[in-house]
Structures are given as structure tokens and as C-alpha cells.
């Protein structure tokens, strides 16, 4: 079986492929623009996106929305993480966090999967901290400033290490449980 991963980010496709190898499911990078509803709820963003993708005639796919929710910033950037990454980037987030003691944050990943007409939506979470500076060269997005354990950032971990604890890894495991059931 093959699932289309609808994203502009090839890094996501690689992470999905590693996770789904055990089920013998092949991931195909599939670029398909769709409108993201502006709301503070990741599930709503994913469900509306799935509705639009299905309306375009696409089946057997995965789509996700991920956000970095920073406690001291009242959840910002949250669902607007991709926009924040493009506009202010890691340096901008670190600037906003200057002098802030509460470094708590969490990544959330909501995955929507259409498989043979069945819809599955799951959310995975990874709690952690915003670092004081960028560290590491692997990963993408906010990975260099997010540390799940206060020691290493996601950007300092291999894909396998990251997938064991990350928000996307947790969401993928929930999705795999649903698919096996």
C-alpha cells in the first residue's frame, strides 16, 4: 500500500517513511495546495484540510498540522508556527523569550489519515523547553531551539532518536495503533 504525504516539507516524508516501514506502507511525497482554516485548533485545521483534499478527489493520504506552543507566550506561535518560522524564525522566538524564566513549551502534531475512505485523526504531544540559543544541525523548523529533556535539542538528535519521543512520533504511533485495529 502507498499513502500520499501531502506536504511541502520533504523532511516530514522521511520521518513518516521510517515509522511506517514496519507496516510495509510506502510514503509518496505529494504536493497539493489546500487552504488552511485560520483557527487555534489543530484538529479543526486538519479536518477542514482533509475535507478539501477529498473534495479534490484525492484518497489514501496523510496530512498533518504541527505547532509549537510556548507557555510564557500564551501558546504562541501555536497553529501559526509555519508562518512564525517563515517570518521571525528561531532567532525571533529566542528574542521574544529573552529574560523569560518559564521556558516550558510543547510541540503538538495532529495527523489526519484517509485510508480506503476511513478517516482517522490523532494528536501527539511532546513537552519540553525553549533553549537559550540554537543548537544542532539536523531536523527542521524549530528543532534547533526545542529540547524535550533540557539536554539535547531535536536538531542534535538523529531522526530515529527524535521519532522515539517527538510529537510526530507520538502521533504516528497512535495512528499505527488505529490502523492495526
C-alpha atoms as a PDB file:
ATOM      1  CA  UNK A   1       0.000   0.000   0.000  1.00  0.00           C
ATOM      2  CA  UNK A   2       1.039   3.564  -0.675  1.00  0.00           C
ATOM      3  CA  UNK A   3      -0.045   6.688   1.207  1.00  0.00           C
ATOM      4  CA  UNK A   4       0.420  10.181  -0.166  1.00  0.00           C
ATOM      5  CA  UNK A   5       2.018  12.554   2.341  1.00  0.00           C
ATOM      6  CA  UNK A   6       0.607  15.949   1.461  1.00  0.00           C
ATOM      7  CA  UNK A   7       3.243  18.468   2.479  1.00  0.00           C
ATOM      8  CA  UNK A   8       5.777  20.886   1.067  1.00  0.00           C
ATOM      9  CA  UNK A   9       8.329  19.580   3.589  1.00  0.00           C
ATOM     10  CA  UNK A  10      10.317  16.523   2.422  1.00  0.00           C
ATOM     11  CA  UNK A  11      11.684  16.127   5.981  1.00  0.00           C
ATOM     12  CA  UNK A  12       8.224  15.053   7.136  1.00  0.00           C
ATOM     13  CA  UNK A  13       8.025  12.403   4.410  1.00  0.00           C
ATOM     14  CA  UNK A  14      11.305  10.839   5.592  1.00  0.00           C
ATOM     15  CA  UNK A  15      10.075  10.749   9.200  1.00  0.00           C
ATOM     16  CA  UNK A  16       6.809   9.105   8.136  1.00  0.00           C
ATOM     17  CA  UNK A  17       8.574   6.557   5.949  1.00  0.00           C
ATOM     18  CA  UNK A  18      10.804   5.363   8.799  1.00  0.00           C
ATOM     19  CA  UNK A  19       7.780   4.948  11.051  1.00  0.00           C
ATOM     20  CA  UNK A  20       5.618   3.122   8.502  1.00  0.00           C
ATOM     21  CA  UNK A  21       8.318   0.748   7.211  1.00  0.00           C
ATOM     22  CA  UNK A  22       7.208  -1.847   9.784  1.00  0.00           C
ATOM     23  CA  UNK A  23       3.725  -1.960   8.223  1.00  0.00           C
ATOM     24  CA  UNK A  24       5.079  -2.167   4.692  1.00  0.00           C
ATOM     25  CA  UNK A  25       3.353   1.093   3.768  1.00  0.00           C
ATOM     26  CA  UNK A  26       5.196   3.250   1.268  1.00  0.00           C
ATOM     27  CA  UNK A  27       5.072   7.017   1.609  1.00  0.00           C
ATOM     28  CA  UNK A  28       4.799   9.173  -1.501  1.00  0.00           C
ATOM     29  CA  UNK A  29       5.618  12.892  -1.342  1.00  0.00           C
ATOM     30  CA  UNK A  30       2.579  14.618  -2.818  1.00  0.00           C
ATOM     31  CA  UNK A  31       2.404  18.385  -3.201  1.00  0.00           C
ATOM     32  CA  UNK A  32      -1.173  19.618  -3.242  1.00  0.00           C
ATOM     33  CA  UNK A  33      -2.014  23.112  -2.091  1.00  0.00           C
ATOM     34  CA  UNK A  34      -5.084  23.474   0.101  1.00  0.00           C
ATOM     35  CA  UNK A  35      -6.459  26.250   2.263  1.00  0.00           C
ATOM     36  CA  UNK A  36      -5.673  26.135   5.965  1.00  0.00           C
ATOM     37  CA  UNK A  37      -8.556  27.422   8.023  1.00  0.00           C
ATOM     38  CA  UNK A  38      -7.488  30.116  10.483  1.00  0.00           C
ATOM     39  CA  UNK A  39      -8.328  28.758  13.918  1.00  0.00           C
ATOM     40  CA  UNK A  40      -6.459  27.986  17.137  1.00  0.00           C
ATOM     41  CA  UNK A  41      -7.420  24.267  16.986  1.00  0.00           C
ATOM     42  CA  UNK A  42      -5.059  21.863  15.170  1.00  0.00           C
ATOM     43  CA  UNK A  43      -7.838  19.244  14.803  1.00  0.00           C
ATOM     44  CA  UNK A  44     -10.082  21.743  13.052  1.00  0.00           C
ATOM     45  CA  UNK A  45      -7.268  22.750  10.676  1.00  0.00           C
ATOM     46  CA  UNK A  46      -6.614  19.098   9.785  1.00  0.00           C
ATOM     47  CA  UNK A  47     -10.277  18.119   9.409  1.00  0.00           C
ATOM     48  CA  UNK A  48     -11.065  21.086   7.139  1.00  0.00           C
ATOM     49  CA  UNK A  49      -7.934  20.349   5.103  1.00  0.00           C
ATOM     50  CA  UNK A  50      -8.978  16.720   4.738  1.00  0.00           C
ATOM     51  CA  UNK A  51     -12.448  17.791   3.548  1.00  0.00           C
ATOM     52  CA  UNK A  52     -10.891  19.961   0.839  1.00  0.00           C
ATOM     53  CA  UNK A  53      -8.391  17.310  -0.255  1.00  0.00           C
ATOM     54  CA  UNK A  54     -11.098  14.647  -0.503  1.00  0.00           C
ATOM     55  CA  UNK A  55     -13.288  17.094  -2.460  1.00  0.00           C
ATOM     56  CA  UNK A  56     -10.390  17.337  -4.963  1.00  0.00           C
ATOM     57  CA  UNK A  57     -10.657  13.576  -5.479  1.00  0.00           C
ATOM     58  CA  UNK A  58      -7.548  12.528  -3.553  1.00  0.00           C
ATOM     59  CA  UNK A  59      -7.761   9.411  -1.360  1.00  0.00           C
ATOM     60  CA  UNK A  60      -5.283   7.382   0.711  1.00  0.00           C
ATOM     61  CA  UNK A  61      -3.280  10.243   2.154  1.00  0.00           C
ATOM     62  CA  UNK A  62      -1.774  11.709   5.293  1.00  0.00           C
ATOM     63  CA  UNK A  63      -1.854  15.389   6.155  1.00  0.00           C
ATOM     64  CA  UNK A  64      -0.713  16.984   9.373  1.00  0.00           C
ATOM     65  CA  UNK A  65      -0.519  20.260  11.155  1.00  0.00           C
ATOM     66  CA  UNK A  66       2.070  20.886  13.812  1.00  0.00           C
ATOM     67  CA  UNK A  67       2.527  23.709  16.236  1.00  0.00           C
ATOM     68  CA  UNK A  68       4.963  24.844  18.879  1.00  0.00           C
ATOM     69  CA  UNK A  69       3.000  26.104  21.882  1.00  0.00           C
ATOM     70  CA  UNK A  70       5.131  28.195  24.265  1.00  0.00           C
ATOM     71  CA  UNK A  71       3.742  28.584  27.789  1.00  0.00           C
ATOM     72  CA  UNK A  72       5.139  32.069  28.514  1.00  0.00           C
ATOM     73  CA  UNK A  73       3.813  33.340  25.166  1.00  0.00           C
ATOM     74  CA  UNK A  74       0.283  32.055  25.910  1.00  0.00           C
ATOM     75  CA  UNK A  75       0.607  29.296  23.317  1.00  0.00           C
ATOM     76  CA  UNK A  76       2.187  31.400  20.564  1.00  0.00           C
ATOM     77  CA  UNK A  77       3.096  30.550  17.842  1.00  0.00           C
ATOM     78  CA  UNK A  78       0.760  27.507  18.040  1.00  0.00           C
ATOM     79  CA  UNK A  79      -1.169  26.884  14.818  1.00  0.00           C
ATOM     80  CA  UNK A  80       0.650  29.856  13.285  1.00  0.00           C
ATOM     81  CA  UNK A  81       4.046  28.129  13.705  1.00  0.00           C
ATOM     82  CA  UNK A  82       4.770  27.777   9.977  1.00  0.00           C
ATOM     83  CA  UNK A  83       4.077  31.490   9.479  1.00  0.00           C
ATOM     84  CA  UNK A  84       6.179  32.414  12.532  1.00  0.00           C
ATOM     85  CA  UNK A  85       9.009  30.225  11.234  1.00  0.00           C
ATOM     86  CA  UNK A  86       8.919  31.972   7.831  1.00  0.00           C
ATOM     87  CA  UNK A  87       8.698  35.489   9.244  1.00  0.00           C
ATOM     88  CA  UNK A  88      10.624  35.684  12.527  1.00  0.00           C
ATOM     89  CA  UNK A  89      12.279  32.253  12.593  1.00  0.00           C
ATOM     90  CA  UNK A  90      14.146  30.733  15.505  1.00  0.00           C
ATOM     91  CA  UNK A  91      16.012  33.963  16.189  1.00  0.00           C
ATOM     92  CA  UNK A  92      12.713  35.846  16.538  1.00  0.00           C
ATOM     93  CA  UNK A  93      11.329  33.297  19.008  1.00  0.00           C
ATOM     94  CA  UNK A  94      14.553  33.470  21.020  1.00  0.00           C
ATOM     95  CA  UNK A  95      14.283  37.283  21.006  1.00  0.00           C
ATOM     96  CA  UNK A  96      10.714  37.045  22.366  1.00  0.00           C
ATOM     97  CA  UNK A  97      11.991  34.697  25.085  1.00  0.00           C
ATOM     98  CA  UNK A  98      14.883  36.940  26.239  1.00  0.00           C
ATOM     99  CA  UNK A  99      14.750  37.291  30.014  1.00  0.00           C
ATOM    100  CA  UNK A 100      11.836  34.852  30.328  1.00  0.00           C
ATOM    101  CA  UNK A 101      12.318  32.267  33.081  1.00  0.00           C
ATOM    102  CA  UNK A 102       9.437  29.961  32.166  1.00  0.00           C
ATOM    103  CA  UNK A 103      10.865  28.163  29.125  1.00  0.00           C
ATOM    104  CA  UNK A 104       8.171  25.451  29.068  1.00  0.00           C
ATOM    105  CA  UNK A 105       6.684  24.559  25.704  1.00  0.00           C
ATOM    106  CA  UNK A 106       5.176  21.700  23.806  1.00  0.00           C
ATOM    107  CA  UNK A 107       5.045  20.565  20.254  1.00  0.00           C
ATOM    108  CA  UNK A 108       1.707  19.166  19.110  1.00  0.00           C
ATOM    109  CA  UNK A 109       1.170  17.230  15.909  1.00  0.00           C
ATOM    110  CA  UNK A 110      -2.278  16.455  14.562  1.00  0.00           C
ATOM    111  CA  UNK A 111      -2.309  13.827  11.808  1.00  0.00           C
ATOM    112  CA  UNK A 112      -5.246  13.157   9.554  1.00  0.00           C
ATOM    113  CA  UNK A 113      -5.251   9.972   7.513  1.00  0.00           C
ATOM    114  CA  UNK A 114      -7.669   8.912   4.823  1.00  0.00           C
ATOM    115  CA  UNK A 115      -7.253   5.214   4.108  1.00  0.00           C
ATOM    116  CA  UNK A 116      -9.746   3.422   1.898  1.00  0.00           C
ATOM    117  CA  UNK A 117     -12.355   6.064   2.761  1.00  0.00           C
ATOM    118  CA  UNK A 118     -11.875   5.774   6.530  1.00  0.00           C
ATOM    119  CA  UNK A 119     -10.868   8.965   8.361  1.00  0.00           C
ATOM    120  CA  UNK A 120      -8.523   8.808  11.335  1.00  0.00           C
ATOM    121  CA  UNK A 121      -7.379  11.909  13.248  1.00  0.00           C
ATOM    122  CA  UNK A 122      -4.876  11.721  16.129  1.00  0.00           C
ATOM    123  CA  UNK A 123      -2.831  14.208  18.169  1.00  0.00           C
ATOM    124  CA  UNK A 124       0.645  13.575  19.596  1.00  0.00           C
ATOM    125  CA  UNK A 125       2.367  15.842  22.127  1.00  0.00           C
ATOM    126  CA  UNK A 126       5.946  16.313  23.314  1.00  0.00           C
ATOM    127  CA  UNK A 127       6.625  18.555  26.324  1.00  0.00           C
ATOM    128  CA  UNK A 128       9.942  20.315  26.612  1.00  0.00           C
ATOM    129  CA  UNK A 129      11.748  23.629  26.797  1.00  0.00           C
ATOM    130  CA  UNK A 130      12.852  26.514  24.616  1.00  0.00           C
ATOM    131  CA  UNK A 131      16.636  26.767  24.710  1.00  0.00           C
ATOM    132  CA  UNK A 132      18.619  29.996  25.086  1.00  0.00           C
ATOM    133  CA  UNK A 133      20.267  29.585  21.665  1.00  0.00           C
ATOM    134  CA  UNK A 134      20.077  27.480  18.516  1.00  0.00           C
ATOM    135  CA  UNK A 135      21.837  24.125  18.813  1.00  0.00           C
ATOM    136  CA  UNK A 136      22.302  21.341  16.287  1.00  0.00           C
ATOM    137  CA  UNK A 137      22.104  20.995  12.526  1.00  0.00           C
ATOM    138  CA  UNK A 138      19.620  18.176  11.935  1.00  0.00           C
ATOM    139  CA  UNK A 139      15.861  18.420  11.736  1.00  0.00           C
ATOM    140  CA  UNK A 140      13.933  21.445  10.523  1.00  0.00           C
ATOM    141  CA  UNK A 141      11.829  24.353  11.715  1.00  0.00           C
ATOM    142  CA  UNK A 142      12.025  24.988  15.458  1.00  0.00           C
ATOM    143  CA  UNK A 143      14.081  21.822  16.120  1.00  0.00           C
ATOM    144  CA  UNK A 144      17.269  23.809  16.990  1.00  0.00           C
ATOM    145  CA  UNK A 145      15.511  25.687  19.844  1.00  0.00           C
ATOM    146  CA  UNK A 146      13.321  22.927  21.329  1.00  0.00           C
ATOM    147  CA  UNK A 147      14.688  20.457  23.854  1.00  0.00           C
ATOM    148  CA  UNK A 148      12.441  17.675  25.160  1.00  0.00           C
ATOM    149  CA  UNK A 149      14.755  16.876  28.076  1.00  0.00           C
ATOM    150  CA  UNK A 150      16.683  20.097  28.745  1.00  0.00           C
ATOM    151  CA  UNK A 151      19.849  18.457  27.371  1.00  0.00           C
ATOM    152  CA  UNK A 152      19.673  17.935  23.594  1.00  0.00           C
ATOM    153  CA  UNK A 153      17.556  19.794  21.058  1.00  0.00           C
ATOM    154  CA  UNK A 154      15.643  17.907  18.361  1.00  0.00           C
ATOM    155  CA  UNK A 155      18.255  19.271  15.918  1.00  0.00           C
ATOM    156  CA  UNK A 156      21.002  17.458  17.865  1.00  0.00           C
ATOM    157  CA  UNK A 157      19.218  14.084  17.576  1.00  0.00           C
ATOM    158  CA  UNK A 158      19.112  11.559  14.776  1.00  0.00           C
ATOM    159  CA  UNK A 159      15.736  11.017  13.106  1.00  0.00           C
ATOM    160  CA  UNK A 160      15.409   7.702  14.984  1.00  0.00           C
ATOM    161  CA  UNK A 161      16.147   9.305  18.376  1.00  0.00           C
ATOM    162  CA  UNK A 162      13.728  12.147  17.658  1.00  0.00           C
ATOM    163  CA  UNK A 163      10.947   9.808  16.474  1.00  0.00           C
ATOM    164  CA  UNK A 164      11.076   7.878  19.768  1.00  0.00           C
ATOM    165  CA  UNK A 165       9.900  10.919  21.749  1.00  0.00           C
ATOM    166  CA  UNK A 166       8.658  13.595  19.361  1.00  0.00           C
ATOM    167  CA  UNK A 167       5.148  14.913  18.890  1.00  0.00           C
ATOM    168  CA  UNK A 168       5.047  13.488  15.351  1.00  0.00           C
ATOM    169  CA  UNK A 169       6.464  10.171  16.563  1.00  0.00           C
ATOM    170  CA  UNK A 170       3.810  10.007  19.281  1.00  0.00           C
ATOM    171  CA  UNK A 171       1.058  10.883  16.795  1.00  0.00           C
ATOM    172  CA  UNK A 172       2.367   8.317  14.293  1.00  0.00           C
ATOM    173  CA  UNK A 173       2.317   5.591  16.968  1.00  0.00           C
ATOM    174  CA  UNK A 174      -1.303   6.498  17.770  1.00  0.00           C
ATOM    175  CA  UNK A 175      -2.138   6.373  14.050  1.00  0.00           C
ATOM    176  CA  UNK A 176      -0.405   2.995  13.614  1.00  0.00           C
ATOM    177  CA  UNK A 177      -2.397   1.595  16.583  1.00  0.00           C
ATOM    178  CA  UNK A 178      -5.605   2.739  14.882  1.00  0.00           C
ATOM    179  CA  UNK A 179      -4.542   1.274  11.521  1.00  0.00           C
ATOM    180  CA  UNK A 180      -3.666  -2.084  13.095  1.00  0.00           C
ATOM    181  CA  UNK A 181      -7.034  -2.139  14.889  1.00  0.00           C
END
